[in-house]
Amino acid sequence: MKNYYVYILASKRNGTLYIGVTNDLVKRVYEHKDGLVEGFTKEYGVDRLVYYEQTNDSYSAIEREKRMKKWKRQWKIELIEKFNPEWKDLYKDLI
């Protein structure tokens, strides 16, 4: 059974946010941190993993990502702070 992750990266506490989906969270966050992903996250320095959730259904992960991207910024911040009140980089806990 494969796992899928919806994740939020931030540039800093209350900074720029990015929402993504992947089936390999450690690898994907590493790619963001090392600047291997061209585009938004590299341009704005968005590489701190502040939130993630896991599912074993790729369809629900993609749908969740799409819904979260449409949320108001405040809702995203509230979700992060409920899960990770210190906005610490959770990547360090994964490796």
PDB file of N, CA and C in Angstrom:
ATOM      1  N   MET A   1       0.847  -1.180   0.000  1.00  0.00           N
ATOM      2  CA  MET A   1       0.000   0.000   0.000  1.00  0.00           C
ATOM      3  C   MET A   1       0.887   1.236   0.000  1.00  0.00           C
ATOM      4  N   LYS A   2       0.568   2.170  -0.846  1.00  0.00           N
ATOM      5  CA  LYS A   2       1.349   3.390  -0.989  1.00  0.00           C
ATOM      6  C   LYS A   2       0.728   4.517  -0.177  1.00  0.00           C
ATOM      7  N   ASN A   3       1.574   5.391   0.352  1.00  0.00           N
ATOM      8  CA  ASN A   3       1.106   6.562   1.089  1.00  0.00           C
ATOM      9  C   ASN A   3       1.233   7.802   0.229  1.00  0.00           C
ATOM     10  N   TYR A   4       0.324   8.721   0.420  1.00  0.00           N
ATOM     11  CA  TYR A   4       0.333  10.006  -0.272  1.00  0.00           C
ATOM     12  C   TYR A   4       0.222  11.097   0.777  1.00  0.00           C
ATOM     13  N   TYR A   5       0.835  12.218   0.500  1.00  0.00           N
ATOM     14  CA  TYR A   5       0.900  13.303   1.469  1.00  0.00           C
ATOM     15  C   TYR A   5       0.476  14.615   0.832  1.00  0.00           C
ATOM     16  N   VAL A   6      -0.330  15.352   1.554  1.00  0.00           N
ATOM     17  CA  VAL A   6      -0.610  16.746   1.244  1.00  0.00           C
ATOM     18  C   VAL A   6       0.208  17.533   2.259  1.00  0.00           C
ATOM     19  N   TYR A   7       0.957  18.509   1.786  1.00  0.00           N
ATOM     20  CA  TYR A   7       1.873  19.213   2.678  1.00  0.00           C
ATOM     21  C   TYR A   7       1.833  20.718   2.443  1.00  0.00           C
ATOM     22  N   ILE A   8       2.240  21.442   3.484  1.00  0.00           N
ATOM     23  CA  ILE A   8       2.362  22.896   3.374  1.00  0.00           C
ATOM     24  C   ILE A   8       3.786  23.270   3.739  1.00  0.00           C
ATOM     25  N   LEU A   9       4.394  24.049   2.867  1.00  0.00           N
ATOM     26  CA  LEU A   9       5.706  24.628   3.121  1.00  0.00           C
ATOM     27  C   LEU A   9       5.522  26.112   3.393  1.00  0.00           C
ATOM     28  N   ALA A  10       6.417  26.676   4.186  1.00  0.00           N
ATOM     29  CA  ALA A  10       6.390  28.116   4.476  1.00  0.00           C
ATOM     30  C   ALA A  10       7.809  28.665   4.355  1.00  0.00           C
ATOM     31  N   SER A  11       7.900  29.937   4.053  1.00  0.00           N
ATOM     32  CA  SER A  11       9.211  30.589   4.002  1.00  0.00           C
ATOM     33  C   SER A  11       9.689  30.928   5.415  1.00  0.00           C
ATOM     34  N   LYS A  12       8.724  31.198   6.297  1.00  0.00           N
ATOM     35  CA  LYS A  12       8.984  31.519   7.706  1.00  0.00           C
ATOM     36  C   LYS A  12       7.627  31.531   8.395  1.00  0.00           C
ATOM     37  N   ARG A  13       7.608  31.772   9.690  1.00  0.00           N
ATOM     38  CA  ARG A  13       6.330  31.875  10.398  1.00  0.00           C
ATOM     39  C   ARG A  13       5.496  32.993   9.770  1.00  0.00           C
ATOM     40  N   ASN A  14       4.264  32.674   9.416  1.00  0.00           N
ATOM     41  CA  ASN A  14       3.338  33.613   8.759  1.00  0.00           C
ATOM     42  C   ASN A  14       3.868  34.153   7.441  1.00  0.00           C
ATOM     43  N   GLY A  15       4.800  33.434   6.827  1.00  0.00           N
ATOM     44  CA  GLY A  15       5.383  33.863   5.556  1.00  0.00           C
ATOM     45  C   GLY A  15       4.610  33.324   4.365  1.00  0.00           C
ATOM     46  N   THR A  16       5.301  33.244   3.258  1.00  0.00           N
ATOM     47  CA  THR A  16       4.729  32.719   2.028  1.00  0.00           C
ATOM     48  C   THR A  16       4.454  31.230   2.190  1.00  0.00           C
ATOM     49  N   LEU A  17       3.299  30.780   1.698  1.00  0.00           N
ATOM     50  CA  LEU A  17       2.891  29.387   1.840  1.00  0.00           C
ATOM     51  C   LEU A  17       2.816  28.702   0.481  1.00  0.00           C
ATOM     52  N   TYR A  18       3.069  27.399   0.500  1.00  0.00           N
ATOM     53  CA  TYR A  18       2.939  26.571  -0.695  1.00  0.00           C
ATOM     54  C   TYR A  18       2.297  25.258  -0.285  1.00  0.00           C
ATOM     55  N   ILE A  19       1.322  24.803  -1.056  1.00  0.00           N
ATOM     56  CA  ILE A  19       0.656  23.527  -0.794  1.00  0.00           C
ATOM     57  C   ILE A  19       0.969  22.583  -1.942  1.00  0.00           C
ATOM     58  N   GLY A  20       1.355  21.353  -1.589  1.00  0.00           N
ATOM     59  CA  GLY A  20       1.669  20.364  -2.602  1.00  0.00           C
ATOM     60  C   GLY A  20       1.188  18.987  -2.208  1.00  0.00           C
ATOM     61  N   VAL A  21       1.362  18.031  -3.123  1.00  0.00           N
ATOM     62  CA  VAL A  21       1.005  16.641  -2.886  1.00  0.00           C
ATOM     63  C   VAL A  21       2.128  15.772  -3.441  1.00  0.00           C
ATOM     64  N   THR A  22       2.408  14.672  -2.758  1.00  0.00           N
ATOM     65  CA  THR A  22       3.488  13.778  -3.175  1.00  0.00           C
ATOM     66  C   THR A  22       3.275  12.389  -2.605  1.00  0.00           C
ATOM     67  N   ASN A  23       3.978  11.410  -3.162  1.00  0.00           N
ATOM     68  CA  ASN A  23       3.958  10.067  -2.582  1.00  0.00           C
ATOM     69  C   ASN A  23       5.267   9.770  -1.848  1.00  0.00           C
ATOM     70  N   ASP A  24       6.190  10.736  -1.824  1.00  0.00           N
ATOM     71  CA  ASP A  24       7.458  10.583  -1.106  1.00  0.00           C
ATOM     72  C   ASP A  24       7.793  11.919  -0.448  1.00  0.00           C
ATOM     73  N   LEU A  25       7.295  12.114   0.757  1.00  0.00           N
ATOM     74  CA  LEU A  25       7.400  13.401   1.437  1.00  0.00           C
ATOM     75  C   LEU A  25       8.850  13.794   1.716  1.00  0.00           C
ATOM     76  N   VAL A  26       9.661  12.860   2.196  1.00  0.00           N
ATOM     77  CA  VAL A  26      11.055  13.178   2.512  1.00  0.00           C
ATOM     78  C   VAL A  26      11.790  13.642   1.265  1.00  0.00           C
ATOM     79  N   LYS A  27      11.645  12.893   0.189  1.00  0.00           N
ATOM     80  CA  LYS A  27      12.324  13.251  -1.067  1.00  0.00           C
ATOM     81  C   LYS A  27      11.839  14.601  -1.594  1.00  0.00           C
ATOM     82  N   ARG A  28      10.537  14.804  -1.573  1.00  0.00           N
ATOM     83  CA  ARG A  28       9.981  16.043  -2.148  1.00  0.00           C
ATOM     84  C   ARG A  28      10.412  17.270  -1.359  1.00  0.00           C
ATOM     85  N   VAL A  29      10.390  17.201  -0.033  1.00  0.00           N
ATOM     86  CA  VAL A  29      10.811  18.347   0.768  1.00  0.00           C
ATOM     87  C   VAL A  29      12.308  18.590   0.573  1.00  0.00           C
ATOM     88  N   TYR A  30      13.087  17.514   0.498  1.00  0.00           N
ATOM     89  CA  TYR A  30      14.517  17.649   0.213  1.00  0.00           C
ATOM     90  C   TYR A  30      14.727  18.405  -1.096  1.00  0.00           C
ATOM     91  N   GLU A  31      13.958  18.063  -2.119  1.00  0.00           N
ATOM     92  CA  GLU A  31      14.071  18.740  -3.413  1.00  0.00           C
ATOM     93  C   GLU A  31      13.771  20.232  -3.289  1.00  0.00           C
ATOM     94  N   HIS A  32      12.764  20.574  -2.500  1.00  0.00           N
ATOM     95  CA  HIS A  32      12.450  21.993  -2.268  1.00  0.00           C
ATOM     96  C   HIS A  32      13.599  22.670  -1.527  1.00  0.00           C
ATOM     97  N   LYS A  33      14.112  22.031  -0.494  1.00  0.00           N
ATOM     98  CA  LYS A  33      15.179  22.613   0.318  1.00  0.00           C
ATOM     99  C   LYS A  33      16.464  22.821  -0.474  1.00  0.00           C
ATOM    100  N   ASP A  34      16.759  21.903  -1.369  1.00  0.00           N
ATOM    101  CA  ASP A  34      17.995  21.991  -2.151  1.00  0.00           C
ATOM    102  C   ASP A  34      17.836  22.835  -3.414  1.00  0.00           C
ATOM    103  N   GLY A  35      16.656  23.411  -3.621  1.00  0.00           N
ATOM    104  CA  GLY A  35      16.434  24.252  -4.787  1.00  0.00           C
ATOM    105  C   GLY A  35      16.346  23.471  -6.081  1.00  0.00           C
ATOM    106  N   LEU A  36      16.003  22.187  -5.996  1.00  0.00           N
ATOM    107  CA  LEU A  36      15.904  21.346  -7.183  1.00  0.00           C
ATOM    108  C   LEU A  36      14.569  21.500  -7.896  1.00  0.00           C
ATOM    109  N   VAL A  37      13.611  22.135  -7.225  1.00  0.00           N
ATOM    110  CA  VAL A  37      12.293  22.360  -7.809  1.00  0.00           C
ATOM    111  C   VAL A  37      12.247  23.795  -8.325  1.00  0.00           C
ATOM    112  N   GLU A  38      12.218  23.934  -9.632  1.00  0.00           N
ATOM    113  CA  GLU A  38      12.148  25.264 -10.233  1.00  0.00           C
ATOM    114  C   GLU A  38      10.764  25.866 -10.006  1.00  0.00           C
ATOM    115  N   GLY A  39      10.718  27.182  -9.910  1.00  0.00           N
ATOM    116  CA  GLY A  39       9.431  27.849  -9.816  1.00  0.00           C
ATOM    117  C   GLY A  39       9.221  28.575  -8.511  1.00  0.00           C
ATOM    118  N   PHE A  40       7.976  28.553  -8.075  1.00  0.00           N
ATOM    119  CA  PHE A  40       7.509  29.368  -6.955  1.00  0.00           C
ATOM    120  C   PHE A  40       8.323  29.166  -5.679  1.00  0.00           C
ATOM    121  N   THR A  41       8.486  27.914  -5.255  1.00  0.00           N
ATOM    122  CA  THR A  41       9.150  27.671  -3.965  1.00  0.00           C
ATOM    123  C   THR A  41      10.603  28.099  -3.993  1.00  0.00           C
ATOM    124  N   LYS A  42      11.264  27.886  -5.094  1.00  0.00           N
ATOM    125  CA  LYS A  42      12.673  28.299  -5.226  1.00  0.00           C
ATOM    126  C   LYS A  42      12.782  29.821  -5.264  1.00  0.00           C
ATOM    127  N   GLU A  43      11.911  30.442  -6.031  1.00  0.00           N
ATOM    128  CA  GLU A  43      11.938  31.900  -6.186  1.00  0.00           C
ATOM    129  C   GLU A  43      11.681  32.627  -4.865  1.00  0.00           C
ATOM    130  N   TYR A  44      10.792  32.091  -4.035  1.00  0.00           N
ATOM    131  CA  TYR A  44      10.403  32.763  -2.800  1.00  0.00           C
ATOM    132  C   TYR A  44      10.997  32.130  -1.540  1.00  0.00           C
ATOM    133  N   GLY A  45      11.884  31.178  -1.689  1.00  0.00           N
ATOM    134  CA  GLY A  45      12.538  30.568  -0.530  1.00  0.00           C
ATOM    135  C   GLY A  45      11.589  29.829   0.392  1.00  0.00           C
ATOM    136  N   VAL A  46      10.631  29.130  -0.189  1.00  0.00           N
ATOM    137  CA  VAL A  46       9.619  28.411   0.585  1.00  0.00           C
ATOM    138  C   VAL A  46      10.092  26.960   0.746  1.00  0.00           C
ATOM    139  N   ASP A  47      10.664  26.643   1.909  1.00  0.00           N
ATOM    140  CA  ASP A  47      11.244  25.305   2.060  1.00  0.00           C
ATOM    141  C   ASP A  47      11.112  24.722   3.467  1.00  0.00           C
ATOM    142  N   ARG A  48      10.290  25.319   4.285  1.00  0.00           N
ATOM    143  CA  ARG A  48      10.097  24.826   5.663  1.00  0.00           C
ATOM    144  C   ARG A  48       8.798  24.022   5.717  1.00  0.00           C
ATOM    145  N   LEU A  49       8.906  22.729   6.015  1.00  0.00           N
ATOM    146  CA  LEU A  49       7.723  21.871   6.120  1.00  0.00           C
ATOM    147  C   LEU A  49       7.014  22.168   7.437  1.00  0.00           C
ATOM    148  N   VAL A  50       5.832  22.772   7.352  1.00  0.00           N
ATOM    149  CA  VAL A  50       5.118  23.160   8.568  1.00  0.00           C
ATOM    150  C   VAL A  50       3.845  22.356   8.808  1.00  0.00           C
ATOM    151  N   TYR A  51       3.413  21.588   7.809  1.00  0.00           N
ATOM    152  CA  TYR A  51       2.193  20.794   7.960  1.00  0.00           C
ATOM    153  C   TYR A  51       2.205  19.677   6.928  1.00  0.00           C
ATOM    154  N   TYR A  52       1.677  18.529   7.315  1.00  0.00           N
ATOM    155  CA  TYR A  52       1.410  17.471   6.340  1.00  0.00           C
ATOM    156  C   TYR A  52       0.344  16.539   6.888  1.00  0.00           C
ATOM    157  N   GLU A  53      -0.317  15.884   5.967  1.00  0.00           N
ATOM    158  CA  GLU A  53      -1.277  14.848   6.321  1.00  0.00           C
ATOM    159  C   GLU A  53      -1.093  13.706   5.338  1.00  0.00           C
ATOM    160  N   GLN A  54      -1.433  12.519   5.790  1.00  0.00           N
ATOM    161  CA  GLN A  54      -1.163  11.301   5.028  1.00  0.00           C
ATOM    162  C   GLN A  54      -2.448  10.553   4.724  1.00  0.00           C
ATOM    163  N   THR A  55      -2.486   9.934   3.545  1.00  0.00           N
ATOM    164  CA  THR A  55      -3.595   9.071   3.153  1.00  0.00           C
ATOM    165  C   THR A  55      -3.034   7.961   2.276  1.00  0.00           C
ATOM    166  N   ASN A  56      -3.788   6.909   2.076  1.00  0.00           N
ATOM    167  CA  ASN A  56      -3.335   5.860   1.163  1.00  0.00           C
ATOM    168  C   ASN A  56      -4.096   5.903  -0.159  1.00  0.00           C
ATOM    169  N   ASP A  57      -4.828   6.975  -0.387  1.00  0.00           N
ATOM    170  CA  ASP A  57      -5.619   7.134  -1.602  1.00  0.00           C
ATOM    171  C   ASP A  57      -5.141   8.345  -2.391  1.00  0.00           C
ATOM    172  N   SER A  58      -4.581   8.115  -3.563  1.00  0.00           N
ATOM    173  CA  SER A  58      -4.035   9.217  -4.357  1.00  0.00           C
ATOM    174  C   SER A  58      -5.113  10.219  -4.762  1.00  0.00           C
ATOM    175  N   TYR A  59      -6.291   9.729  -5.112  1.00  0.00           N
ATOM    176  CA  TYR A  59      -7.375  10.619  -5.524  1.00  0.00           C
ATOM    177  C   TYR A  59      -7.760  11.577  -4.396  1.00  0.00           C
ATOM    178  N   SER A  60      -7.908  11.064  -3.186  1.00  0.00           N
ATOM    179  CA  SER A  60      -8.304  11.941  -2.075  1.00  0.00           C
ATOM    180  C   SER A  60      -7.190  12.925  -1.738  1.00  0.00           C
ATOM    181  N   ALA A  61      -5.932  12.523  -1.893  1.00  0.00           N
ATOM    182  CA  ALA A  61      -4.825  13.451  -1.636  1.00  0.00           C
ATOM    183  C   ALA A  61      -4.839  14.606  -2.636  1.00  0.00           C
ATOM    184  N   ILE A  62      -5.055  14.289  -3.897  1.00  0.00           N
ATOM    185  CA  ILE A  62      -5.094  15.330  -4.935  1.00  0.00           C
ATOM    186  C   ILE A  62      -6.291  16.251  -4.730  1.00  0.00           C
ATOM    187  N   GLU A  63      -7.431  15.675  -4.401  1.00  0.00           N
ATOM    188  CA  GLU A  63      -8.621  16.489  -4.141  1.00  0.00           C
ATOM    189  C   GLU A  63      -8.436  17.388  -2.924  1.00  0.00           C
ATOM    190  N   ARG A  64      -7.839  16.858  -1.891  1.00  0.00           N
ATOM    191  CA  ARG A  64      -7.577  17.650  -0.675  1.00  0.00           C
ATOM    192  C   ARG A  64      -6.647  18.814  -0.999  1.00  0.00           C
ATOM    193  N   GLU A  65      -5.592  18.548  -1.761  1.00  0.00           N
ATOM    194  CA  GLU A  65      -4.673  19.617  -2.162  1.00  0.00           C
ATOM    195  C   GLU A  65      -5.419  20.713  -2.926  1.00  0.00           C
ATOM    196  N   LYS A  66      -6.234  20.334  -3.878  1.00  0.00           N
ATOM    197  CA  LYS A  66      -6.993  21.316  -4.665  1.00  0.00           C
ATOM    198  C   LYS A  66      -7.902  22.159  -3.778  1.00  0.00           C
ATOM    199  N   ARG A  67      -8.586  21.505  -2.837  1.00  0.00           N
ATOM    200  CA  ARG A  67      -9.481  22.247  -1.933  1.00  0.00           C
ATOM    201  C   ARG A  67      -8.687  23.215  -1.061  1.00  0.00           C
ATOM    202  N   MET A  68      -7.581  22.733  -0.486  1.00  0.00           N
ATOM    203  CA  MET A  68      -6.787  23.583   0.410  1.00  0.00           C
ATOM    204  C   MET A  68      -6.209  24.794  -0.320  1.00  0.00           C
ATOM    205  N   LYS A  69      -5.848  24.621  -1.575  1.00  0.00           N
ATOM    206  CA  LYS A  69      -5.303  25.745  -2.344  1.00  0.00           C
ATOM    207  C   LYS A  69      -6.336  26.858  -2.525  1.00  0.00           C
ATOM    208  N   LYS A  70      -7.619  26.512  -2.448  1.00  0.00           N
ATOM    209  CA  LYS A  70      -8.693  27.502  -2.594  1.00  0.00           C
ATOM    210  C   LYS A  70      -9.067  28.166  -1.270  1.00  0.00           C
ATOM    211  N   TRP A  71      -8.554  27.645  -0.165  1.00  0.00           N
ATOM    212  CA  TRP A  71      -8.878  28.199   1.144  1.00  0.00           C
ATOM    213  C   TRP A  71      -8.356  29.617   1.298  1.00  0.00           C
ATOM    214  N   LYS A  72      -9.019  30.350   2.183  1.00  0.00           N
ATOM    215  CA  LYS A  72      -8.498  31.653   2.604  1.00  0.00           C
ATOM    216  C   LYS A  72      -7.195  31.431   3.348  1.00  0.00           C
ATOM    217  N   ARG A  73      -6.306  32.385   3.253  1.00  0.00           N
ATOM    218  CA  ARG A  73      -5.003  32.287   3.920  1.00  0.00           C
ATOM    219  C   ARG A  73      -5.163  32.018   5.419  1.00  0.00           C
ATOM    220  N   GLN A  74      -6.112  32.686   6.051  1.00  0.00           N
ATOM    221  CA  GLN A  74      -6.310  32.527   7.492  1.00  0.00           C
ATOM    222  C   GLN A  74      -6.641  31.088   7.869  1.00  0.00           C
ATOM    223  N   TRP A  75      -7.422  30.410   7.032  1.00  0.00           N
ATOM    224  CA  TRP A  75      -7.757  29.010   7.306  1.00  0.00           C
ATOM    225  C   TRP A  75      -6.500  28.143   7.261  1.00  0.00           C
ATOM    226  N   LYS A  76      -5.614  28.427   6.313  1.00  0.00           N
ATOM    227  CA  LYS A  76      -4.365  27.670   6.193  1.00  0.00           C
ATOM    228  C   LYS A  76      -3.494  27.900   7.428  1.00  0.00           C
ATOM    229  N   ILE A  77      -3.418  29.136   7.863  1.00  0.00           N
ATOM    230  CA  ILE A  77      -2.624  29.460   9.055  1.00  0.00           C
ATOM    231  C   ILE A  77      -3.203  28.764  10.282  1.00  0.00           C
ATOM    232  N   GLU A  78      -4.522  28.767  10.419  1.00  0.00           N
ATOM    233  CA  GLU A  78      -5.159  28.088  11.557  1.00  0.00           C
ATOM    234  C   GLU A  78      -4.873  26.583  11.541  1.00  0.00           C
ATOM    235  N   LEU A  79      -4.889  25.970  10.364  1.00  0.00           N
ATOM    236  CA  LEU A  79      -4.575  24.551  10.251  1.00  0.00           C
ATOM    237  C   LEU A  79      -3.133  24.282  10.684  1.00  0.00           C
ATOM    238  N   ILE A  80      -2.212  25.095  10.203  1.00  0.00           N
ATOM    239  CA  ILE A  80      -0.803  24.944  10.574  1.00  0.00           C
ATOM    240  C   ILE A  80      -0.642  25.088  12.079  1.00  0.00           C
ATOM    241  N   GLU A  81      -1.229  26.127  12.642  1.00  0.00           N
ATOM    242  CA  GLU A  81      -1.026  26.399  14.069  1.00  0.00           C
ATOM    243  C   GLU A  81      -1.692  25.362  14.968  1.00  0.00           C
ATOM    244  N   LYS A  82      -2.743  24.723  14.491  1.00  0.00           N
ATOM    245  CA  LYS A  82      -3.354  23.635  15.256  1.00  0.00           C
ATOM    246  C   LYS A  82      -2.429  22.417  15.280  1.00  0.00           C
ATOM    247  N   PHE A  83      -1.796  22.146  14.165  1.00  0.00           N
ATOM    248  CA  PHE A  83      -0.922  20.986  13.997  1.00  0.00           C
ATOM    249  C   PHE A  83       0.502  21.252  14.482  1.00  0.00           C
ATOM    250  N   ASN A  84       0.959  22.480  14.294  1.00  0.00           N
ATOM    251  CA  ASN A  84       2.357  22.831  14.547  1.00  0.00           C
ATOM    252  C   ASN A  84       2.433  24.269  15.067  1.00  0.00           C
ATOM    253  N   PRO A  85       2.044  24.511  16.321  1.00  0.00           N
ATOM    254  CA  PRO A  85       1.941  25.877  16.846  1.00  0.00           C
ATOM    255  C   PRO A  85       3.251  26.672  16.808  1.00  0.00           C
ATOM    256  N   GLU A  86       4.367  25.990  16.838  1.00  0.00           N
ATOM    257  CA  GLU A  86       5.666  26.682  16.811  1.00  0.00           C
ATOM    258  C   GLU A  86       6.161  26.944  15.397  1.00  0.00           C
ATOM    259  N   TRP A  87       5.470  26.451  14.397  1.00  0.00           N
ATOM    260  CA  TRP A  87       5.887  26.553  13.003  1.00  0.00           C
ATOM    261  C   TRP A  87       7.286  25.966  12.805  1.00  0.00           C
ATOM    262  N   LYS A  88       7.608  24.915  13.559  1.00  0.00           N
ATOM    263  CA  LYS A  88       8.937  24.330  13.419  1.00  0.00           C
ATOM    264  C   LYS A  88       9.007  23.537  12.121  1.00  0.00           C
ATOM    265  N   ASP A  89      10.208  23.382  11.613  1.00  0.00           N
ATOM    266  CA  ASP A  89      10.431  22.643  10.377  1.00  0.00           C
ATOM    267  C   ASP A  89      10.309  21.149  10.680  1.00  0.00           C
ATOM    268  N   LEU A  90       9.236  20.527  10.235  1.00  0.00           N
ATOM    269  CA  LEU A  90       8.947  19.141  10.529  1.00  0.00           C
ATOM    270  C   LEU A  90       9.809  18.168   9.729  1.00  0.00           C
ATOM    271  N   TYR A  91      10.505  18.662   8.741  1.00  0.00           N
ATOM    272  CA  TYR A  91      11.388  17.813   7.934  1.00  0.00           C
ATOM    273  C   TYR A  91      12.419  17.119   8.802  1.00  0.00           C
ATOM    274  N   LYS A  92      12.932  17.838   9.781  1.00  0.00           N
ATOM    275  CA  LYS A  92      13.949  17.277  10.662  1.00  0.00           C
ATOM    276  C   LYS A  92      13.434  16.073  11.434  1.00  0.00           C
ATOM    277  N   ASP A  93      12.133  16.040  11.709  1.00  0.00           N
ATOM    278  CA  ASP A  93      11.533  14.908  12.420  1.00  0.00           C
ATOM    279  C   ASP A  93      11.334  13.700  11.499  1.00  0.00           C
ATOM    280  N   LEU A  94      11.282  13.942  10.190  1.00  0.00           N
ATOM    281  CA  LEU A  94      11.039  12.861   9.236  1.00  0.00           C
ATOM    282  C   LEU A  94      12.299  12.086   8.888  1.00  0.00           C
ATOM    283  N   ILE A  95      13.446  12.774   8.933  1.00  0.00           N
ATOM    284  CA  ILE A  95      14.696  12.110   8.507  1.00  0.00           C
ATOM    285  C   ILE A  95      15.446  11.479   9.643  1.00  0.00           C
TER     286      ILE A  95
END
